[in-house]
PDB file of N, CA and C in Angstrom:
ATOM      1  N   UNK A   1      35.554 -20.369   1.196  1.00  0.00           N
ATOM      2  CA  UNK A   1      34.208 -20.585   1.196  1.00  0.00           C
ATOM      3  C   UNK A   1      33.747 -19.211   0.136  1.00  0.00           C
ATOM      4  N   UNK A   2      32.613 -19.466  -0.717  1.00  0.00           N
ATOM      5  CA  UNK A   2      32.203 -17.936  -1.475  1.00  0.00           C
ATOM      6  C   UNK A   2      30.945 -17.765  -0.638  1.00  0.00           C
ATOM      7  N   UNK A   3      30.971 -16.306  -0.167  1.00  0.00           N
ATOM      8  CA  UNK A   3      29.778 -15.879   0.651  1.00  0.00           C
ATOM      9  C   UNK A   3      29.283 -14.872  -0.729  1.00  0.00           C
ATOM     10  N   UNK A   4      27.701 -15.098  -1.063  1.00  0.00           N
ATOM     11  CA  UNK A   4      27.236 -14.072  -1.720  1.00  0.00           C
ATOM     12  C   UNK A   4      27.523 -12.563  -1.009  1.00  0.00           C
ATOM     13  N   UNK A   5      27.335 -11.708  -2.299  1.00  0.00           N
ATOM     14  CA  UNK A   5      27.563 -10.251  -1.947  1.00  0.00           C
ATOM     15  C   UNK A   5      26.756  -9.728  -1.097  1.00  0.00           C
ATOM     16  N   UNK A   6      25.366 -10.081  -1.203  1.00  0.00           N
ATOM     17  CA  UNK A   6      24.147  -9.645  -0.172  1.00  0.00           C
ATOM     18  C   UNK A   6      24.419  -9.942   1.177  1.00  0.00           C
ATOM     19  N   UNK A   7      25.175 -11.295   1.469  1.00  0.00           N
ATOM     20  CA  UNK A   7      25.629 -11.071   3.100  1.00  0.00           C
ATOM     21  C   UNK A   7      26.825 -10.479   3.365  1.00  0.00           C
ATOM     22  N   UNK A   8      27.551 -10.206   2.642  1.00  0.00           N
ATOM     23  CA  UNK A   8      28.880  -9.593   3.096  1.00  0.00           C
ATOM     24  C   UNK A   8      28.236  -7.736   3.600  1.00  0.00           C
ATOM     25  N   UNK A   9      27.336  -7.256   3.106  1.00  0.00           N
ATOM     26  CA  UNK A   9      26.753  -5.959   3.513  1.00  0.00           C
ATOM     27  C   UNK A   9      26.094  -5.739   5.042  1.00  0.00           C
ATOM     28  N   UNK A  10      26.481  -5.066   5.745  1.00  0.00           N
ATOM     29  CA  UNK A  10      26.055  -4.799   6.956  1.00  0.00           C
ATOM     30  C   UNK A  10      24.485  -4.399   6.887  1.00  0.00           C
ATOM     31  N   UNK A  11      23.601  -5.057   8.019  1.00  0.00           N
ATOM     32  CA  UNK A  11      22.366  -4.835   8.026  1.00  0.00           C
ATOM     33  C   UNK A  11      22.299  -3.211   8.544  1.00  0.00           C
ATOM     34  N   UNK A  12      20.734  -2.846   7.956  1.00  0.00           N
ATOM     35  CA  UNK A  12      20.351  -1.632   7.887  1.00  0.00           C
ATOM     36  C   UNK A  12      20.257  -1.384   9.560  1.00  0.00           C
ATOM     37  N   UNK A  13      20.600   0.173   9.747  1.00  0.00           N
ATOM     38  CA  UNK A  13      20.406   0.292  11.252  1.00  0.00           C
ATOM     39  C   UNK A  13      19.052   0.709  11.602  1.00  0.00           C
ATOM     40  N   UNK A  14      19.146   1.038  12.836  1.00  0.00           N
ATOM     41  CA  UNK A  14      17.496   1.335  13.263  1.00  0.00           C
ATOM     42  C   UNK A  14      17.217   2.761  12.837  1.00  0.00           C
ATOM     43  N   UNK A  15      18.080   3.693  12.663  1.00  0.00           N
ATOM     44  CA  UNK A  15      17.721   5.044  12.262  1.00  0.00           C
ATOM     45  C   UNK A  15      17.371   5.015  11.018  1.00  0.00           C
ATOM     46  N   UNK A  16      18.086   4.029  10.234  1.00  0.00           N
ATOM     47  CA  UNK A  16      17.665   3.756   8.815  1.00  0.00           C
ATOM     48  C   UNK A  16      16.211   3.493   8.518  1.00  0.00           C
ATOM     49  N   UNK A  17      15.805   2.545   9.362  1.00  0.00           N
ATOM     50  CA  UNK A  17      14.612   1.913   9.299  1.00  0.00           C
ATOM     51  C   UNK A  17      13.500   2.924   9.490  1.00  0.00           C
ATOM     52  N   UNK A  18      13.553   3.636  10.599  1.00  0.00           N
ATOM     53  CA  UNK A  18      12.809   4.700  11.011  1.00  0.00           C
ATOM     54  C   UNK A  18      12.932   5.539   9.855  1.00  0.00           C
ATOM     55  N   UNK A  19      13.713   6.084   9.415  1.00  0.00           N
ATOM     56  CA  UNK A  19      13.740   7.008   8.295  1.00  0.00           C
ATOM     57  C   UNK A  19      12.699   6.443   6.877  1.00  0.00           C
ATOM     58  N   UNK A  20      13.083   5.211   6.794  1.00  0.00           N
ATOM     59  CA  UNK A  20      12.672   4.561   5.839  1.00  0.00           C
ATOM     60  C   UNK A  20      10.845   4.525   6.080  1.00  0.00           C
ATOM     61  N   UNK A  21      10.365   4.317   7.179  1.00  0.00           N
ATOM     62  CA  UNK A  21       9.087   4.089   7.382  1.00  0.00           C
ATOM     63  C   UNK A  21       8.313   5.413   7.370  1.00  0.00           C
ATOM     64  N   UNK A  22       9.009   6.552   7.920  1.00  0.00           N
ATOM     65  CA  UNK A  22       8.651   7.577   8.152  1.00  0.00           C
ATOM     66  C   UNK A  22       8.482   8.244   6.323  1.00  0.00           C
ATOM     67  N   UNK A  23       9.426   7.947   5.456  1.00  0.00           N
ATOM     68  CA  UNK A  23       9.160   8.227   4.024  1.00  0.00           C
ATOM     69  C   UNK A  23       7.936   7.648   3.508  1.00  0.00           C
ATOM     70  N   UNK A  24       7.796   6.324   3.887  1.00  0.00           N
ATOM     71  CA  UNK A  24       6.969   5.668   3.439  1.00  0.00           C
ATOM     72  C   UNK A  24       5.445   5.821   3.529  1.00  0.00           C
ATOM     73  N   UNK A  25       5.238   6.397   4.906  1.00  0.00           N
ATOM     74  CA  UNK A  25       4.104   6.775   5.347  1.00  0.00           C
ATOM     75  C   UNK A  25       3.435   8.305   4.883  1.00  0.00           C
ATOM     76  N   UNK A  26       4.522   9.103   4.183  1.00  0.00           N
ATOM     77  CA  UNK A  26       3.679  10.243   3.154  1.00  0.00           C
ATOM     78  C   UNK A  26       3.077   9.822   2.156  1.00  0.00           C
ATOM     79  N   UNK A  27       2.066  10.662   1.952  1.00  0.00           N
ATOM     80  CA  UNK A  27       0.912  10.361   1.062  1.00  0.00           C
ATOM     81  C   UNK A  27       1.307   9.773  -0.391  1.00  0.00           C
ATOM     82  N   UNK A  28       1.783  10.704  -1.311  1.00  0.00           N
ATOM     83  CA  UNK A  28       2.244  10.469  -2.582  1.00  0.00           C
ATOM     84  C   UNK A  28       3.808  10.017  -2.842  1.00  0.00           C
ATOM     85  N   UNK A  29       4.619  10.600  -2.096  1.00  0.00           N
ATOM     86  CA  UNK A  29       6.012  10.363  -2.000  1.00  0.00           C
ATOM     87  C   UNK A  29       6.241   8.787  -1.410  1.00  0.00           C
ATOM     88  N   UNK A  30       5.555   8.648  -0.475  1.00  0.00           N
ATOM     89  CA  UNK A  30       5.946   7.409   0.123  1.00  0.00           C
ATOM     90  C   UNK A  30       5.623   6.285  -0.844  1.00  0.00           C
ATOM     91  N   UNK A  31       4.551   6.570  -1.473  1.00  0.00           N
ATOM     92  CA  UNK A  31       4.192   5.422  -2.429  1.00  0.00           C
ATOM     93  C   UNK A  31       5.351   5.032  -3.669  1.00  0.00           C
ATOM     94  N   UNK A  32       5.537   6.351  -4.103  1.00  0.00           N
ATOM     95  CA  UNK A  32       6.685   6.596  -5.370  1.00  0.00           C
ATOM     96  C   UNK A  32       7.751   5.715  -4.695  1.00  0.00           C
ATOM     97  N   UNK A  33       8.189   5.891  -3.536  1.00  0.00           N
ATOM     98  CA  UNK A  33       9.769   5.403  -3.015  1.00  0.00           C
ATOM     99  C   UNK A  33       9.500   4.026  -2.468  1.00  0.00           C
ATOM    100  N   UNK A  34       8.397   3.406  -2.132  1.00  0.00           N
ATOM    101  CA  UNK A  34       8.056   2.089  -2.039  1.00  0.00           C
ATOM    102  C   UNK A  34       8.507   1.351  -3.114  1.00  0.00           C
ATOM    103  N   UNK A  35       7.852   1.999  -4.663  1.00  0.00           N
ATOM    104  CA  UNK A  35       7.934   1.647  -5.687  1.00  0.00           C
ATOM    105  C   UNK A  35       9.462   1.427  -6.391  1.00  0.00           C
ATOM    106  N   UNK A  36      10.001   2.455  -5.998  1.00  0.00           N
ATOM    107  CA  UNK A  36      11.568   2.667  -6.201  1.00  0.00           C
ATOM    108  C   UNK A  36      12.219   1.783  -5.389  1.00  0.00           C
ATOM    109  N   UNK A  37      12.013   1.796  -4.135  1.00  0.00           N
ATOM    110  CA  UNK A  37      12.614   0.784  -3.402  1.00  0.00           C
ATOM    111  C   UNK A  37      12.383  -0.784  -3.655  1.00  0.00           C
ATOM    112  N   UNK A  38      11.464  -1.293  -4.296  1.00  0.00           N
ATOM    113  CA  UNK A  38      11.007  -2.255  -4.736  1.00  0.00           C
ATOM    114  C   UNK A  38      11.718  -2.955  -5.760  1.00  0.00           C
ATOM    115  N   UNK A  39      11.708  -1.813  -6.841  1.00  0.00           N
ATOM    116  CA  UNK A  39      12.240  -2.482  -8.198  1.00  0.00           C
ATOM    117  C   UNK A  39      13.697  -2.195  -8.398  1.00  0.00           C
ATOM    118  N   UNK A  40      14.440  -1.282  -7.478  1.00  0.00           N
ATOM    119  CA  UNK A  40      15.883  -0.814  -7.603  1.00  0.00           C
ATOM    120  C   UNK A  40      16.543  -1.948  -7.475  1.00  0.00           C
ATOM    121  N   UNK A  41      17.566  -2.199  -8.215  1.00  0.00           N
ATOM    122  CA  UNK A  41      18.662  -3.586  -8.129  1.00  0.00           C
ATOM    123  C   UNK A  41      19.520  -3.058  -7.112  1.00  0.00           C
ATOM    124  N   UNK A  42      19.866  -1.467  -7.084  1.00  0.00           N
ATOM    125  CA  UNK A  42      21.008  -1.492  -6.090  1.00  0.00           C
ATOM    126  C   UNK A  42      20.525  -1.434  -4.645  1.00  0.00           C
ATOM    127  N   UNK A  43      19.190  -1.363  -4.234  1.00  0.00           N
ATOM    128  CA  UNK A  43      18.684  -0.875  -2.908  1.00  0.00           C
ATOM    129  C   UNK A  43      19.017  -2.578  -2.438  1.00  0.00           C
ATOM    130  N   UNK A  44      19.100  -2.161  -0.756  1.00  0.00           N
ATOM    131  CA  UNK A  44      19.401  -3.484  -0.041  1.00  0.00           C
ATOM    132  C   UNK A  44      18.383  -4.402  -0.301  1.00  0.00           C
ATOM    133  N   UNK A  45      19.032  -5.629  -0.238  1.00  0.00           N
ATOM    134  CA  UNK A  45      17.766  -6.758  -0.386  1.00  0.00           C
ATOM    135  C   UNK A  45      16.777  -6.717   0.776  1.00  0.00           C
ATOM    136  N   UNK A  46      16.914  -6.463   2.060  1.00  0.00           N
ATOM    137  CA  UNK A  46      16.049  -6.422   2.976  1.00  0.00           C
ATOM    138  C   UNK A  46      15.111  -5.309   3.003  1.00  0.00           C
ATOM    139  N   UNK A  47      15.529  -4.094   2.381  1.00  0.00           N
ATOM    140  CA  UNK A  47      14.786  -2.855   2.174  1.00  0.00           C
ATOM    141  C   UNK A  47      13.839  -3.102   0.891  1.00  0.00           C
ATOM    142  N   UNK A  48      14.183  -3.971   0.111  1.00  0.00           N
ATOM    143  CA  UNK A  48      13.543  -4.112  -1.225  1.00  0.00           C
ATOM    144  C   UNK A  48      12.421  -5.158  -1.049  1.00  0.00           C
ATOM    145  N   UNK A  49      12.318  -6.098  -0.165  1.00  0.00           N
ATOM    146  CA  UNK A  49      11.831  -7.051   0.136  1.00  0.00           C
ATOM    147  C   UNK A  49      10.604  -6.462   0.997  1.00  0.00           C
ATOM    148  N   UNK A  50      11.142  -5.622   1.923  1.00  0.00           N
ATOM    149  CA  UNK A  50      10.355  -4.948   2.918  1.00  0.00           C
ATOM    150  C   UNK A  50       9.102  -4.278   2.022  1.00  0.00           C
ATOM    151  N   UNK A  51       9.607  -3.411   1.052  1.00  0.00           N
ATOM    152  CA  UNK A  51       8.985  -2.410   0.184  1.00  0.00           C
ATOM    153  C   UNK A  51       7.867  -3.131  -0.663  1.00  0.00           C
ATOM    154  N   UNK A  52       8.335  -4.309  -1.001  1.00  0.00           N
ATOM    155  CA  UNK A  52       7.224  -5.373  -2.007  1.00  0.00           C
ATOM    156  C   UNK A  52       6.519  -5.663  -0.769  1.00  0.00           C
ATOM    157  N   UNK A  53       6.580  -5.959   0.357  1.00  0.00           N
ATOM    158  CA  UNK A  53       5.468  -6.555   1.160  1.00  0.00           C
ATOM    159  C   UNK A  53       4.490  -5.262   1.681  1.00  0.00           C
ATOM    160  N   UNK A  54       5.330  -4.001   1.460  1.00  0.00           N
ATOM    161  CA  UNK A  54       4.303  -2.987   2.045  1.00  0.00           C
ATOM    162  C   UNK A  54       3.432  -2.664   0.586  1.00  0.00           C
ATOM    163  N   UNK A  55       3.905  -2.430  -0.237  1.00  0.00           N
ATOM    164  CA  UNK A  55       3.099  -2.423  -1.455  1.00  0.00           C
ATOM    165  C   UNK A  55       2.129  -3.598  -1.731  1.00  0.00           C
ATOM    166  N   UNK A  56       2.005  -4.665  -1.357  1.00  0.00           N
ATOM    167  CA  UNK A  56       1.062  -5.848  -1.411  1.00  0.00           C
ATOM    168  C   UNK A  56       0.297  -5.620  -0.064  1.00  0.00           C
ATOM    169  N   UNK A  57       0.567  -5.255   0.828  1.00  0.00           N
ATOM    170  CA  UNK A  57      -0.412  -4.916   1.798  1.00  0.00           C
ATOM    171  C   UNK A  57      -1.200  -4.036   1.825  1.00  0.00           C
ATOM    172  N   UNK A  58      -0.732  -2.751   0.993  1.00  0.00           N
ATOM    173  CA  UNK A  58      -1.308  -1.708   0.475  1.00  0.00           C
ATOM    174  C   UNK A  58      -2.208  -2.038  -0.401  1.00  0.00           C
ATOM    175  N   UNK A  59      -1.867  -2.762  -1.266  1.00  0.00           N
ATOM    176  CA  UNK A  59      -2.974  -3.047  -2.469  1.00  0.00           C
ATOM    177  C   UNK A  59      -4.212  -3.978  -1.750  1.00  0.00           C
ATOM    178  N   UNK A  60      -4.190  -5.119  -0.888  1.00  0.00           N
ATOM    179  CA  UNK A  60      -4.959  -5.504  -0.032  1.00  0.00           C
ATOM    180  C   UNK A  60      -5.655  -4.747   0.540  1.00  0.00           C
ATOM    181  N   UNK A  61      -5.001  -3.509   1.146  1.00  0.00           N
ATOM    182  CA  UNK A  61      -6.370  -2.606   2.122  1.00  0.00           C
ATOM    183  C   UNK A  61      -6.790  -2.122   1.015  1.00  0.00           C
ATOM    184  N   UNK A  62      -6.463  -1.468  -0.245  1.00  0.00           N
ATOM    185  CA  UNK A  62      -7.128  -0.536  -1.171  1.00  0.00           C
ATOM    186  C   UNK A  62      -8.218  -1.478  -1.534  1.00  0.00           C
ATOM    187  N   UNK A  63      -7.998  -2.548  -1.947  1.00  0.00           N
ATOM    188  CA  UNK A  63      -9.267  -3.435  -2.164  1.00  0.00           C
ATOM    189  C   UNK A  63     -10.079  -3.886  -1.074  1.00  0.00           C
ATOM    190  N   UNK A  64      -9.923  -4.202   0.040  1.00  0.00           N
ATOM    191  CA  UNK A  64     -10.744  -4.350   0.808  1.00  0.00           C
ATOM    192  C   UNK A  64     -11.804  -3.183   0.967  1.00  0.00           C
ATOM    193  N   UNK A  65     -11.064  -1.746   1.086  1.00  0.00           N
ATOM    194  CA  UNK A  65     -11.540  -0.678   1.357  1.00  0.00           C
ATOM    195  C   UNK A  65     -12.602  -0.461   0.217  1.00  0.00           C
ATOM    196  N   UNK A  66     -12.198  -0.671  -0.874  1.00  0.00           N
ATOM    197  CA  UNK A  66     -13.292  -0.645  -2.128  1.00  0.00           C
ATOM    198  C   UNK A  66     -14.501  -1.454  -1.914  1.00  0.00           C
ATOM    199  N   UNK A  67     -14.074  -2.550  -1.330  1.00  0.00           N
ATOM    200  CA  UNK A  67     -15.085  -3.580  -1.305  1.00  0.00           C
ATOM    201  C   UNK A  67     -16.253  -3.163  -0.162  1.00  0.00           C
ATOM    202  N   UNK A  68     -15.625  -2.576   0.832  1.00  0.00           N
ATOM    203  CA  UNK A  68     -16.447  -2.075   2.004  1.00  0.00           C
ATOM    204  C   UNK A  68     -17.347  -0.801   1.700  1.00  0.00           C
ATOM    205  N   UNK A  69     -16.556  -0.092   0.719  1.00  0.00           N
ATOM    206  CA  UNK A  69     -17.278   1.210   0.486  1.00  0.00           C
ATOM    207  C   UNK A  69     -18.273   1.071  -0.551  1.00  0.00           C
ATOM    208  N   UNK A  70     -18.274  -0.021  -1.174  1.00  0.00           N
ATOM    209  CA  UNK A  70     -19.154  -0.552  -2.304  1.00  0.00           C
ATOM    210  C   UNK A  70     -20.289  -0.888  -1.575  1.00  0.00           C
ATOM    211  N   UNK A  71     -20.214  -1.743  -0.481  1.00  0.00           N
ATOM    212  CA  UNK A  71     -21.276  -2.523   0.013  1.00  0.00           C
ATOM    213  C   UNK A  71     -21.973  -1.498   0.853  1.00  0.00           C
ATOM    214  N   UNK A  72     -21.583  -0.725   1.391  1.00  0.00           N
ATOM    215  CA  UNK A  72     -21.775   0.533   2.217  1.00  0.00           C
ATOM    216  C   UNK A  72     -22.758   1.252   1.265  1.00  0.00           C
ATOM    217  N   UNK A  73     -22.367   1.717   0.460  1.00  0.00           N
ATOM    218  CA  UNK A  73     -22.698   2.696  -0.659  1.00  0.00           C
ATOM    219  C   UNK A  73     -23.948   2.436  -1.465  1.00  0.00           C
ATOM    220  N   UNK A  74     -24.122   0.855  -1.767  1.00  0.00           N
ATOM    221  CA  UNK A  74     -25.163   0.207  -2.256  1.00  0.00           C
ATOM    222  C   UNK A  74     -26.264  -0.097  -1.346  1.00  0.00           C
ATOM    223  N   UNK A  75     -26.021  -0.547  -0.044  1.00  0.00           N
ATOM    224  CA  UNK A  75     -26.488  -0.409   1.130  1.00  0.00           C
ATOM    225  C   UNK A  75     -27.531   1.093   1.037  1.00  0.00           C
ATOM    226  N   UNK A  76     -26.875   2.096   1.256  1.00  0.00           N
ATOM    227  CA  UNK A  76     -27.634   3.260   1.217  1.00  0.00           C
ATOM    228  C   UNK A  76     -28.529   3.428   0.223  1.00  0.00           C
ATOM    229  N   UNK A  77     -27.941   3.244  -0.928  1.00  0.00           N
ATOM    230  CA  UNK A  77     -28.635   3.559  -2.089  1.00  0.00           C
ATOM    231  C   UNK A  77     -29.993   2.805  -2.128  1.00  0.00           C
ATOM    232  N   UNK A  78     -29.861   1.549  -1.752  1.00  0.00           N
ATOM    233  CA  UNK A  78     -31.093   0.754  -1.657  1.00  0.00           C
ATOM    234  C   UNK A  78     -32.241   1.267  -0.814  1.00  0.00           C
ATOM    235  N   UNK A  79     -31.375   1.449   0.368  1.00  0.00           N
ATOM    236  CA  UNK A  79     -32.328   2.297   1.313  1.00  0.00           C
ATOM    237  C   UNK A  79     -33.239   3.270   1.385  1.00  0.00           C
ATOM    238  N   UNK A  80     -32.479   4.227   0.678  1.00  0.00           N
ATOM    239  CA  UNK A  80     -33.066   5.647   0.119  1.00  0.00           C
ATOM    240  C   UNK A  80     -33.807   5.626  -1.118  1.00  0.00           C
ATOM    241  N   UNK A  81     -33.710   4.412  -1.911  1.00  0.00           N
ATOM    242  CA  UNK A  81     -34.212   4.423  -2.966  1.00  0.00           C
ATOM    243  C   UNK A  81     -35.842   3.887  -3.138  1.00  0.00           C
ATOM    244  N   UNK A  82     -36.132   3.085  -1.758  1.00  0.00           N
ATOM    245  CA  UNK A  82     -37.290   2.581  -1.413  1.00  0.00           C
ATOM    246  C   UNK A  82     -38.287   4.141  -1.118  1.00  0.00           C
ATOM    247  N   UNK A  83     -37.701   5.064  -0.459  1.00  0.00           N
ATOM    248  CA  UNK A  83     -38.890   6.053  -0.387  1.00  0.00           C
ATOM    249  C   UNK A  83     -38.760   7.084  -1.555  1.00  0.00           C
ATOM    250  N   UNK A  84     -38.009   6.678  -2.602  1.00  0.00           N
ATOM    251  CA  UNK A  84     -38.417   7.650  -3.776  1.00  0.00           C
ATOM    252  C   UNK A  84     -39.732   7.391  -4.858  1.00  0.00           C
ATOM    253  N   UNK A  85     -40.261   8.545  -4.749  1.00  0.00           N
ATOM    254  CA  UNK A  85     -41.519   8.185  -5.926  1.00  0.00           C
ATOM    255  C   UNK A  85     -40.849   8.679  -7.046  1.00  0.00           C
ATOM    256  N   UNK A  86     -40.575   7.441  -7.832  1.00  0.00           N
ATOM    257  CA  UNK A  86     -39.783   7.351  -9.199  1.00  0.00           C
ATOM    258  C   UNK A  86     -40.692   8.106 -10.460  1.00  0.00           C
ATOM    259  N   UNK A  87     -42.006   8.020 -10.152  1.00  0.00           N
ATOM    260  CA  UNK A  87     -42.995   8.756 -11.067  1.00  0.00           C
ATOM    261  C   UNK A  87     -42.795  10.238 -10.950  1.00  0.00           C
ATOM    262  N   UNK A  88     -42.304  11.087 -10.200  1.00  0.00           N
ATOM    263  CA  UNK A  88     -41.951  12.228 -10.122  1.00  0.00           C
ATOM    264  C   UNK A  88     -40.883  12.668 -10.963  1.00  0.00           C
ATOM    265  N   UNK A  89     -39.774  11.814 -11.503  1.00  0.00           N
ATOM    266  CA  UNK A  89     -39.121  12.231 -12.456  1.00  0.00           C
ATOM    267  C   UNK A  89     -39.189  11.915 -14.075  1.00  0.00           C
ATOM    268  N   UNK A  90     -40.545  11.695 -14.161  1.00  0.00           N
ATOM    269  CA  UNK A  90     -40.935  11.534 -16.020  1.00  0.00           C
ATOM    270  C   UNK A  90     -41.512  12.945 -16.173  1.00  0.00           C
TER     271      UNK A  90
END
């Protein structure tokens, strides 16, 4: 019976996962490492899939954050623009 090579490798240990998560939480280095782990062909399949899912979740969070920030910003802008006398700027 032929077993694929990816199933012959031992799974990552708990310590490896803790280090991976800690590295991924660093602001810029973590993002770069997630990209490297996601696209590198020599990375363990489980780590690669985890890195891809982390990148997707961060992208979704970033888009939701931009939407929320825009809605709140435009809300403040419209609330404060009602009290401005625009003829003073002419």
